[in-house]
Amino acid sequence: MNLSTLSLACLLGLALSSCAGAPVHAPLPRAREVNLARFMGPWRVIAAIPVSIEKNAYDAVESYSLNPDGTIATTYTFREGAFDGKAKRYTPKGFVVDRTDNSTWGMRFVWPFKAEYLISYVDESYSTTIIARTKRDYVWIMARAPVIADADYDRLVGMVKEWGYDVSRLRKFPQPAR
């Protein structure tokens, strides 16, 4: 075996061994036939495995508006550290990737990169939703109201757990009781 063949064999062995420890998950569910017009509007973040910018978010709201060109204007606002904390605002652009059911989006915070944004669940009344990612690194449980019943929250967390997420990483986002 020459050096290049040995190097290739070692790299292949490392790649396979690193894959062996990775959990294998069934594909994430996708919400069926997301009605974009009904999905638009404000959603309160009830809980999430948060990205770094939102680890200390209060009163987090993600709002969507359908643009004439089919893209989705997104505004994500929250208060940093407390209800009276510094206001934060982000405006990524959403793109429906799969028009067969409108559940798979790309979300662009910085051009040209799009993050996966999968509407894995939305209830019939469009009052609760779960946004997931195939990597199971981040997830958001959102609702139209700032507070949901404990039984509803537990059911949504149970769904997230069934999908292979480590729910011990979920953080409830403080929302004002309105």
N, C-alpha and C. Protein backbone atom coordinates (compact mmCIF):
# COMPACT_ATOMS: atom_id res chain seq x y z
N MET A 1 0.86 -1.17 0.00
CA MET A 1 0.00 0.00 0.00
C MET A 1 0.90 1.23 0.00
N ASN A 2 0.71 2.13 -0.97
CA ASN A 2 1.54 3.34 -0.99
C ASN A 2 0.97 4.39 -0.05
N LEU A 3 1.71 5.47 0.13
CA LEU A 3 1.35 6.50 1.09
C LEU A 3 0.00 7.14 0.77
N SER A 4 -0.26 7.43 -0.52
CA SER A 4 -1.53 8.07 -0.86
C SER A 4 -2.71 7.13 -0.63
N THR A 5 -2.53 5.84 -0.90
CA THR A 5 -3.59 4.87 -0.64
C THR A 5 -3.83 4.74 0.85
N LEU A 6 -2.74 4.72 1.64
CA LEU A 6 -2.86 4.64 3.09
C LEU A 6 -3.56 5.88 3.64
N SER A 7 -3.19 7.05 3.13
CA SER A 7 -3.84 8.29 3.58
C SER A 7 -5.32 8.28 3.26
N LEU A 8 -5.67 7.84 2.06
CA LEU A 8 -7.07 7.76 1.66
C LEU A 8 -7.82 6.77 2.55
N ALA A 9 -7.20 5.64 2.85
CA ALA A 9 -7.83 4.64 3.71
C ALA A 9 -8.04 5.20 5.12
N CYS A 10 -7.06 5.95 5.63
CA CYS A 10 -7.20 6.55 6.96
C CYS A 10 -8.32 7.59 6.97
N LEU A 11 -8.38 8.44 5.94
CA LEU A 11 -9.43 9.45 5.87
C LEU A 11 -10.81 8.81 5.78
N LEU A 12 -10.90 7.76 4.97
CA LEU A 12 -12.17 7.05 4.84
C LEU A 12 -12.57 6.43 6.17
N GLY A 13 -11.61 5.84 6.86
CA GLY A 13 -11.87 5.25 8.17
C GLY A 13 -12.34 6.28 9.18
N LEU A 14 -11.69 7.46 9.19
CA LEU A 14 -12.12 8.53 10.09
C LEU A 14 -13.52 9.00 9.76
N ALA A 15 -13.80 9.16 8.48
CA ALA A 15 -15.12 9.62 8.06
C ALA A 15 -16.20 8.62 8.48
N LEU A 16 -15.93 7.34 8.27
CA LEU A 16 -16.92 6.33 8.63
C LEU A 16 -17.09 6.23 10.14
N SER A 17 -15.99 6.35 10.88
CA SER A 17 -16.12 6.26 12.33
C SER A 17 -16.85 7.45 12.90
N SER A 18 -16.68 8.64 12.30
CA SER A 18 -17.40 9.81 12.79
C SER A 18 -18.89 9.69 12.48
N CYS A 19 -19.22 9.03 11.38
CA CYS A 19 -20.63 8.84 11.04
C CYS A 19 -21.28 7.79 11.94
N ALA A 20 -20.49 6.84 12.39
CA ALA A 20 -21.04 5.75 13.19
C ALA A 20 -21.66 6.25 14.48
N GLY A 21 -21.11 7.33 15.06
CA GLY A 21 -21.63 7.84 16.31
C GLY A 21 -22.80 8.79 16.14
N ALA A 22 -23.05 9.25 14.94
CA ALA A 22 -24.13 10.21 14.70
C ALA A 22 -25.48 9.49 14.76
N PRO A 23 -26.43 10.05 15.50
CA PRO A 23 -27.74 9.40 15.56
C PRO A 23 -28.43 9.43 14.19
N VAL A 24 -29.16 8.38 13.92
CA VAL A 24 -29.91 8.29 12.67
C VAL A 24 -31.36 8.57 13.00
N HIS A 25 -31.92 9.55 12.33
CA HIS A 25 -33.30 9.95 12.59
C HIS A 25 -34.14 9.72 11.35
N ALA A 26 -35.40 9.46 11.59
CA ALA A 26 -36.36 9.44 10.48
C ALA A 26 -36.48 10.87 9.97
N PRO A 27 -36.87 11.06 8.73
CA PRO A 27 -37.06 12.42 8.23
C PRO A 27 -38.07 13.18 9.10
N LEU A 28 -37.83 14.46 9.27
CA LEU A 28 -38.76 15.28 10.02
C LEU A 28 -40.10 15.35 9.29
N PRO A 29 -41.18 15.40 10.03
CA PRO A 29 -42.47 15.60 9.37
C PRO A 29 -42.55 17.01 8.80
N ARG A 30 -43.40 17.17 7.83
CA ARG A 30 -43.67 18.48 7.24
C ARG A 30 -45.16 18.73 7.35
N ALA A 31 -45.49 19.96 7.68
CA ALA A 31 -46.91 20.31 7.72
C ALA A 31 -47.49 20.13 6.33
N ARG A 32 -48.70 19.63 6.27
CA ARG A 32 -49.33 19.39 4.97
C ARG A 32 -50.03 20.64 4.49
N GLU A 33 -49.76 21.01 3.28
CA GLU A 33 -50.47 22.10 2.61
C GLU A 33 -50.55 23.37 3.46
N VAL A 34 -49.40 23.96 3.73
CA VAL A 34 -49.38 25.21 4.50
C VAL A 34 -50.02 26.31 3.66
N ASN A 35 -51.07 26.88 4.19
CA ASN A 35 -51.74 28.00 3.55
C ASN A 35 -50.94 29.25 3.91
N LEU A 36 -50.18 29.77 2.96
CA LEU A 36 -49.28 30.88 3.25
C LEU A 36 -50.02 32.10 3.78
N ALA A 37 -51.17 32.41 3.21
CA ALA A 37 -51.92 33.58 3.67
C ALA A 37 -52.30 33.43 5.15
N ARG A 38 -52.70 32.22 5.57
CA ARG A 38 -53.06 31.99 6.98
C ARG A 38 -51.84 31.97 7.88
N PHE A 39 -50.70 31.55 7.34
CA PHE A 39 -49.49 31.46 8.16
C PHE A 39 -48.87 32.84 8.42
N MET A 40 -49.16 33.79 7.55
CA MET A 40 -48.59 35.13 7.71
C MET A 40 -49.09 35.78 8.99
N GLY A 41 -48.36 36.78 9.45
CA GLY A 41 -48.72 37.50 10.66
C GLY A 41 -47.76 37.17 11.79
N PRO A 42 -48.09 37.66 13.00
CA PRO A 42 -47.18 37.48 14.13
C PRO A 42 -47.32 36.12 14.81
N TRP A 43 -46.18 35.57 15.20
CA TRP A 43 -46.09 34.34 15.98
C TRP A 43 -45.19 34.62 17.18
N ARG A 44 -45.65 34.28 18.36
CA ARG A 44 -44.85 34.45 19.58
C ARG A 44 -44.01 33.21 19.81
N VAL A 45 -42.74 33.40 20.13
CA VAL A 45 -41.86 32.27 20.42
C VAL A 45 -42.13 31.84 21.86
N ILE A 46 -42.70 30.66 22.00
CA ILE A 46 -43.04 30.12 23.32
C ILE A 46 -41.81 29.40 23.91
N ALA A 47 -41.11 28.66 23.08
CA ALA A 47 -39.91 27.94 23.52
C ALA A 47 -39.06 27.64 22.29
N ALA A 48 -37.78 27.40 22.53
CA ALA A 48 -36.88 27.09 21.43
C ALA A 48 -35.60 26.46 21.94
N ILE A 49 -34.93 25.75 21.06
CA ILE A 49 -33.51 25.51 21.23
C ILE A 49 -32.93 26.69 20.45
N PRO A 50 -32.51 27.72 21.17
CA PRO A 50 -32.25 29.01 20.52
C PRO A 50 -30.89 29.10 19.82
N VAL A 51 -30.85 29.98 18.82
CA VAL A 51 -29.57 30.38 18.22
C VAL A 51 -28.93 31.40 19.16
N SER A 52 -27.69 31.69 18.96
CA SER A 52 -26.93 32.52 19.91
C SER A 52 -27.56 33.90 20.15
N ILE A 53 -28.10 34.53 19.11
CA ILE A 53 -28.63 35.89 19.29
C ILE A 53 -29.86 35.95 20.18
N GLU A 54 -30.54 34.81 20.37
CA GLU A 54 -31.80 34.84 21.11
C GLU A 54 -31.75 34.08 22.43
N LYS A 55 -30.57 33.76 22.91
CA LYS A 55 -30.45 32.97 24.14
C LYS A 55 -31.02 33.66 25.36
N ASN A 56 -31.11 34.98 25.34
CA ASN A 56 -31.61 35.72 26.48
C ASN A 56 -32.80 36.61 26.06
N ALA A 57 -33.60 36.09 25.11
CA ALA A 57 -34.70 36.87 24.55
C ALA A 57 -35.94 36.83 25.42
N TYR A 58 -36.60 37.97 25.51
CA TYR A 58 -37.89 38.13 26.16
C TYR A 58 -38.84 38.71 25.12
N ASP A 59 -40.12 38.35 25.23
CA ASP A 59 -41.14 38.93 24.36
C ASP A 59 -40.77 38.79 22.88
N ALA A 60 -40.34 37.58 22.49
CA ALA A 60 -39.90 37.33 21.11
C ALA A 60 -41.11 37.10 20.19
N VAL A 61 -41.10 37.81 19.07
CA VAL A 61 -42.19 37.71 18.09
C VAL A 61 -41.56 37.63 16.70
N GLU A 62 -42.00 36.62 15.94
CA GLU A 62 -41.58 36.49 14.54
C GLU A 62 -42.81 36.77 13.69
N SER A 63 -42.70 37.76 12.80
CA SER A 63 -43.83 38.14 11.95
C SER A 63 -43.48 37.92 10.49
N TYR A 64 -44.48 37.46 9.73
CA TYR A 64 -44.29 37.17 8.31
C TYR A 64 -45.28 37.96 7.48
N SER A 65 -44.82 38.37 6.31
CA SER A 65 -45.67 39.06 5.36
C SER A 65 -45.28 38.60 3.97
N LEU A 66 -46.26 38.21 3.17
CA LEU A 66 -45.99 37.71 1.82
C LEU A 66 -45.75 38.88 0.87
N ASN A 67 -44.60 38.87 0.24
CA ASN A 67 -44.26 39.90 -0.75
C ASN A 67 -44.89 39.56 -2.09
N PRO A 68 -45.11 40.56 -2.96
CA PRO A 68 -45.69 40.30 -4.29
C PRO A 68 -44.89 39.30 -5.12
N ASP A 69 -43.57 39.23 -4.90
CA ASP A 69 -42.74 38.29 -5.68
C ASP A 69 -42.71 36.88 -5.10
N GLY A 70 -43.51 36.63 -4.05
CA GLY A 70 -43.58 35.30 -3.45
C GLY A 70 -42.60 35.07 -2.31
N THR A 71 -41.68 36.00 -2.08
CA THR A 71 -40.79 35.87 -0.93
C THR A 71 -41.54 36.30 0.33
N ILE A 72 -40.93 36.04 1.46
CA ILE A 72 -41.59 36.33 2.72
C ILE A 72 -40.76 37.33 3.51
N ALA A 73 -41.34 38.51 3.73
CA ALA A 73 -40.69 39.51 4.57
C ALA A 73 -40.84 39.04 6.01
N THR A 74 -39.74 38.92 6.70
CA THR A 74 -39.75 38.42 8.07
C THR A 74 -39.18 39.47 9.00
N THR A 75 -39.83 39.66 10.12
CA THR A 75 -39.32 40.56 11.15
C THR A 75 -39.32 39.80 12.46
N TYR A 76 -38.14 39.70 13.07
CA TYR A 76 -37.99 39.02 14.35
C TYR A 76 -37.57 40.05 15.38
N THR A 77 -38.42 40.24 16.39
CA THR A 77 -38.14 41.23 17.42
C THR A 77 -38.16 40.57 18.79
N PHE A 78 -37.35 41.11 19.69
CA PHE A 78 -37.38 40.67 21.08
C PHE A 78 -36.67 41.70 21.93
N ARG A 79 -36.78 41.52 23.24
CA ARG A 79 -36.07 42.36 24.21
C ARG A 79 -34.93 41.54 24.79
N GLU A 80 -33.79 42.16 24.93
CA GLU A 80 -32.60 41.47 25.42
C GLU A 80 -32.58 41.46 26.95
N GLY A 81 -32.71 40.26 27.54
CA GLY A 81 -32.50 40.08 28.97
C GLY A 81 -33.65 40.40 29.90
N ALA A 82 -34.64 41.15 29.46
CA ALA A 82 -35.77 41.51 30.32
C ALA A 82 -36.87 42.12 29.46
N PHE A 83 -38.07 42.23 30.01
CA PHE A 83 -39.17 42.84 29.25
C PHE A 83 -38.89 44.30 28.92
N ASP A 84 -38.07 44.96 29.72
CA ASP A 84 -37.71 46.35 29.42
C ASP A 84 -36.28 46.45 28.87
N GLY A 85 -35.71 45.33 28.44
CA GLY A 85 -34.36 45.31 27.90
C GLY A 85 -34.29 45.96 26.53
N LYS A 86 -33.07 46.04 26.03
CA LYS A 86 -32.83 46.65 24.72
C LYS A 86 -33.59 45.91 23.63
N ALA A 87 -34.29 46.66 22.79
CA ALA A 87 -35.05 46.07 21.68
C ALA A 87 -34.09 45.61 20.59
N LYS A 88 -34.33 44.39 20.11
CA LYS A 88 -33.55 43.81 19.01
C LYS A 88 -34.50 43.55 17.85
N ARG A 89 -34.00 43.73 16.63
CA ARG A 89 -34.84 43.53 15.43
C ARG A 89 -33.98 42.95 14.32
N TYR A 90 -34.45 41.87 13.73
CA TYR A 90 -33.77 41.22 12.61
C TYR A 90 -34.79 41.05 11.49
N THR A 91 -34.33 41.18 10.26
CA THR A 91 -35.25 41.12 9.12
C THR A 91 -34.74 40.18 8.03
N PRO A 92 -34.71 38.88 8.30
CA PRO A 92 -34.31 37.95 7.24
C PRO A 92 -35.41 37.85 6.19
N LYS A 93 -35.04 37.34 5.04
CA LYS A 93 -36.02 37.14 3.96
C LYS A 93 -36.26 35.64 3.81
N GLY A 94 -37.53 35.26 3.76
CA GLY A 94 -37.90 33.86 3.58
C GLY A 94 -38.18 33.55 2.12
N PHE A 95 -37.90 32.30 1.76
CA PHE A 95 -38.12 31.80 0.40
C PHE A 95 -38.79 30.44 0.49
N VAL A 96 -39.94 30.27 -0.12
CA VAL A 96 -40.58 28.96 -0.13
C VAL A 96 -39.79 28.10 -1.10
N VAL A 97 -39.24 27.01 -0.59
CA VAL A 97 -38.39 26.13 -1.40
C VAL A 97 -39.22 25.06 -2.10
N ASP A 98 -40.22 24.53 -1.40
CA ASP A 98 -41.05 23.46 -1.96
C ASP A 98 -42.48 23.97 -2.07
N ARG A 99 -42.90 24.30 -3.26
CA ARG A 99 -44.24 24.87 -3.48
C ARG A 99 -45.35 23.81 -3.49
N THR A 100 -45.00 22.53 -3.39
CA THR A 100 -46.05 21.52 -3.38
C THR A 100 -46.88 21.59 -2.11
N ASP A 101 -46.23 21.92 -0.97
CA ASP A 101 -46.98 22.04 0.27
C ASP A 101 -46.63 23.31 1.07
N ASN A 102 -45.69 24.10 0.58
CA ASN A 102 -45.26 25.37 1.20
C ASN A 102 -44.65 25.22 2.59
N SER A 103 -44.21 24.01 2.97
CA SER A 103 -43.70 23.80 4.32
C SER A 103 -42.19 23.98 4.43
N THR A 104 -41.49 23.96 3.33
CA THR A 104 -40.03 24.04 3.38
C THR A 104 -39.58 25.38 2.83
N TRP A 105 -38.93 26.13 3.70
CA TRP A 105 -38.45 27.47 3.35
C TRP A 105 -36.95 27.53 3.50
N GLY A 106 -36.37 28.52 2.88
CA GLY A 106 -35.02 28.96 3.17
C GLY A 106 -35.15 30.32 3.83
N MET A 107 -34.32 30.59 4.81
CA MET A 107 -34.37 31.88 5.50
C MET A 107 -32.99 32.52 5.36
N ARG A 108 -32.95 33.68 4.71
CA ARG A 108 -31.67 34.34 4.45
C ARG A 108 -31.47 35.50 5.41
N PHE A 109 -30.47 35.35 6.27
CA PHE A 109 -30.04 36.43 7.15
C PHE A 109 -28.92 37.22 6.51
N VAL A 110 -28.03 36.50 5.81
CA VAL A 110 -26.88 37.11 5.14
C VAL A 110 -26.78 36.50 3.75
N TRP A 111 -26.71 37.36 2.73
CA TRP A 111 -26.60 36.88 1.36
C TRP A 111 -25.24 36.24 1.19
N PRO A 112 -25.09 35.13 0.52
CA PRO A 112 -26.06 34.36 -0.25
C PRO A 112 -26.60 33.15 0.49
N PHE A 113 -26.38 33.06 1.79
CA PHE A 113 -26.68 31.85 2.54
C PHE A 113 -28.15 31.80 2.98
N LYS A 114 -28.75 30.63 2.80
CA LYS A 114 -30.12 30.40 3.26
C LYS A 114 -30.11 29.27 4.28
N ALA A 115 -30.70 29.50 5.43
CA ALA A 115 -30.82 28.47 6.46
C ALA A 115 -32.12 27.69 6.22
N GLU A 116 -32.08 26.42 6.50
CA GLU A 116 -33.27 25.59 6.39
C GLU A 116 -34.30 26.03 7.43
N TYR A 117 -35.55 26.07 7.03
CA TYR A 117 -36.66 26.50 7.86
C TYR A 117 -37.81 25.59 7.50
N LEU A 118 -38.08 24.60 8.33
CA LEU A 118 -39.07 23.58 8.01
C LEU A 118 -40.28 23.71 8.93
N ILE A 119 -41.41 24.01 8.33
CA ILE A 119 -42.66 24.05 9.11
C ILE A 119 -43.08 22.59 9.28
N SER A 120 -42.71 22.03 10.43
CA SER A 120 -42.97 20.61 10.68
C SER A 120 -44.38 20.36 11.19
N TYR A 121 -44.96 21.39 11.79
CA TYR A 121 -46.30 21.24 12.33
C TYR A 121 -46.97 22.60 12.38
N VAL A 122 -48.23 22.64 12.01
CA VAL A 122 -49.10 23.78 12.27
C VAL A 122 -50.49 23.20 12.50
N ASP A 123 -51.14 23.64 13.57
CA ASP A 123 -52.46 23.08 13.87
C ASP A 123 -53.50 23.62 12.90
N GLU A 124 -54.67 23.00 12.91
CA GLU A 124 -55.72 23.36 11.95
C GLU A 124 -56.15 24.81 12.04
N SER A 125 -56.11 25.38 13.24
CA SER A 125 -56.55 26.76 13.42
C SER A 125 -55.41 27.77 13.20
N TYR A 126 -54.23 27.27 12.87
CA TYR A 126 -53.05 28.13 12.68
C TYR A 126 -52.78 28.97 13.93
N SER A 127 -52.90 28.30 15.10
CA SER A 127 -52.63 28.99 16.35
C SER A 127 -51.34 28.52 17.01
N THR A 128 -50.82 27.34 16.63
CA THR A 128 -49.53 26.87 17.11
C THR A 128 -48.76 26.25 15.95
N THR A 129 -47.45 26.37 16.02
CA THR A 129 -46.60 25.81 14.97
C THR A 129 -45.27 25.38 15.57
N ILE A 130 -44.61 24.47 14.88
CA ILE A 130 -43.24 24.07 15.23
C ILE A 130 -42.39 24.22 13.98
N ILE A 131 -41.31 24.99 14.13
CA ILE A 131 -40.34 25.18 13.06
C ILE A 131 -39.11 24.37 13.42
N ALA A 132 -38.67 23.51 12.52
CA ALA A 132 -37.58 22.58 12.82
C ALA A 132 -36.48 22.67 11.77
N ARG A 133 -35.40 21.95 12.04
CA ARG A 133 -34.28 21.82 11.10
C ARG A 133 -33.83 20.36 11.08
N THR A 134 -33.50 19.87 9.90
CA THR A 134 -33.09 18.49 9.73
C THR A 134 -31.94 18.10 10.65
N LYS A 135 -31.03 19.03 10.92
CA LYS A 135 -29.87 18.74 11.77
C LYS A 135 -30.27 18.56 13.24
N ARG A 136 -31.50 18.90 13.58
CA ARG A 136 -31.98 18.85 14.96
C ARG A 136 -31.12 19.71 15.90
N ASP A 137 -30.60 20.81 15.35
CA ASP A 137 -29.80 21.72 16.17
C ASP A 137 -30.64 22.85 16.77
N TYR A 138 -31.65 23.29 16.06
CA TYR A 138 -32.53 24.36 16.54
C TYR A 138 -33.97 23.97 16.27
N VAL A 139 -34.87 24.49 17.11
CA VAL A 139 -36.30 24.27 16.92
C VAL A 139 -37.02 25.42 17.62
N TRP A 140 -38.18 25.80 17.09
CA TRP A 140 -38.98 26.87 17.69
C TRP A 140 -40.42 26.40 17.82
N ILE A 141 -40.97 26.55 19.01
CA ILE A 141 -42.39 26.30 19.27
C ILE A 141 -43.02 27.69 19.37
N MET A 142 -43.97 27.97 18.48
CA MET A 142 -44.55 29.31 18.43
C MET A 142 -46.07 29.23 18.47
N ALA A 143 -46.66 30.34 18.90
CA ALA A 143 -48.12 30.42 18.99
C ALA A 143 -48.55 31.85 18.67
N ARG A 144 -49.80 31.98 18.32
CA ARG A 144 -50.35 33.32 18.06
C ARG A 144 -50.51 34.09 19.36
N ALA A 145 -50.78 33.39 20.44
CA ALA A 145 -50.98 34.02 21.75
C ALA A 145 -49.68 33.97 22.55
N PRO A 146 -49.50 34.89 23.49
CA PRO A 146 -48.26 34.89 24.28
C PRO A 146 -48.15 33.73 25.26
N VAL A 147 -49.26 33.09 25.57
CA VAL A 147 -49.27 31.98 26.52
C VAL A 147 -50.13 30.87 25.94
N ILE A 148 -49.68 29.62 26.13
CA ILE A 148 -50.50 28.48 25.73
C ILE A 148 -50.70 27.60 26.97
N ALA A 149 -51.73 26.77 26.93
CA ALA A 149 -52.03 25.87 28.04
C ALA A 149 -50.87 24.89 28.24
N ASP A 150 -50.63 24.52 29.49
CA ASP A 150 -49.55 23.58 29.82
C ASP A 150 -49.70 22.27 29.04
N ALA A 151 -50.92 21.78 28.90
CA ALA A 151 -51.15 20.52 28.18
C ALA A 151 -50.75 20.66 26.71
N ASP A 152 -51.05 21.81 26.11
CA ASP A 152 -50.66 22.05 24.71
C ASP A 152 -49.14 22.14 24.59
N TYR A 153 -48.52 22.84 25.53
CA TYR A 153 -47.06 22.95 25.52
C TYR A 153 -46.42 21.56 25.65
N ASP A 154 -46.91 20.77 26.60
CA ASP A 154 -46.36 19.43 26.80
C ASP A 154 -46.52 18.56 25.56
N ARG A 155 -47.65 18.69 24.88
CA ARG A 155 -47.89 17.92 23.65
C ARG A 155 -46.91 18.32 22.56
N LEU A 156 -46.67 19.62 22.40
CA LEU A 156 -45.74 20.10 21.38
C LEU A 156 -44.30 19.68 21.70
N VAL A 157 -43.92 19.75 22.97
CA VAL A 157 -42.59 19.30 23.38
C VAL A 157 -42.46 17.80 23.12
N GLY A 158 -43.50 17.05 23.39
CA GLY A 158 -43.50 15.61 23.11
C GLY A 158 -43.26 15.32 21.63
N MET A 159 -43.87 16.11 20.77
CA MET A 159 -43.65 15.94 19.33
C MET A 159 -42.18 16.19 18.98
N VAL A 160 -41.64 17.27 19.52
CA VAL A 160 -40.24 17.62 19.26
C VAL A 160 -39.32 16.49 19.72
N LYS A 161 -39.61 15.93 20.88
CA LYS A 161 -38.81 14.81 21.41
C LYS A 161 -38.90 13.60 20.49
N GLU A 162 -40.12 13.28 20.03
CA GLU A 162 -40.32 12.15 19.11
C GLU A 162 -39.49 12.31 17.84
N TRP A 163 -39.26 13.54 17.42
CA TRP A 163 -38.52 13.81 16.19
C TRP A 163 -37.01 13.71 16.37
N GLY A 164 -36.57 13.43 17.61
CA GLY A 164 -35.16 13.21 17.84
C GLY A 164 -34.40 14.39 18.42
N TYR A 165 -35.09 15.39 18.88
CA TYR A 165 -34.43 16.54 19.51
C TYR A 165 -34.12 16.23 20.97
N ASP A 166 -33.07 16.85 21.47
CA ASP A 166 -32.74 16.81 22.90
C ASP A 166 -33.54 17.92 23.56
N VAL A 167 -34.70 17.58 24.11
CA VAL A 167 -35.59 18.60 24.65
C VAL A 167 -35.07 19.21 25.95
N SER A 168 -34.02 18.64 26.53
CA SER A 168 -33.43 19.29 27.71
C SER A 168 -32.79 20.62 27.32
N ARG A 169 -32.56 20.83 26.02
CA ARG A 169 -31.98 22.09 25.53
C ARG A 169 -33.04 23.15 25.24
N LEU A 170 -34.32 22.78 25.33
CA LEU A 170 -35.40 23.76 25.09
C LEU A 170 -35.38 24.82 26.18
N ARG A 171 -35.62 26.05 25.76
CA ARG A 171 -35.72 27.18 26.69
C ARG A 171 -37.06 27.85 26.47
N LYS A 172 -37.83 28.00 27.55
CA LYS A 172 -39.07 28.77 27.45
C LYS A 172 -38.70 30.24 27.34
N PHE A 173 -39.36 30.93 26.43
CA PHE A 173 -39.13 32.36 26.24
C PHE A 173 -40.16 33.13 27.05
N PRO A 174 -39.72 33.98 27.95
CA PRO A 174 -40.70 34.78 28.70
C PRO A 174 -41.53 35.66 27.76
N GLN A 175 -42.83 35.57 27.93
CA GLN A 175 -43.78 36.36 27.16
C GLN A 175 -44.67 37.11 28.15
N PRO A 176 -45.06 38.32 27.81
CA PRO A 176 -45.94 39.05 28.72
C PRO A 176 -47.31 38.36 28.76
N ALA A 177 -47.88 38.28 29.93
CA ALA A 177 -49.24 37.70 30.06
C ALA A 177 -50.22 38.78 29.61
N ARG A 178 -50.85 38.55 28.49
CA ARG A 178 -51.80 39.55 27.94
C ARG A 178 -53.17 38.99 27.86
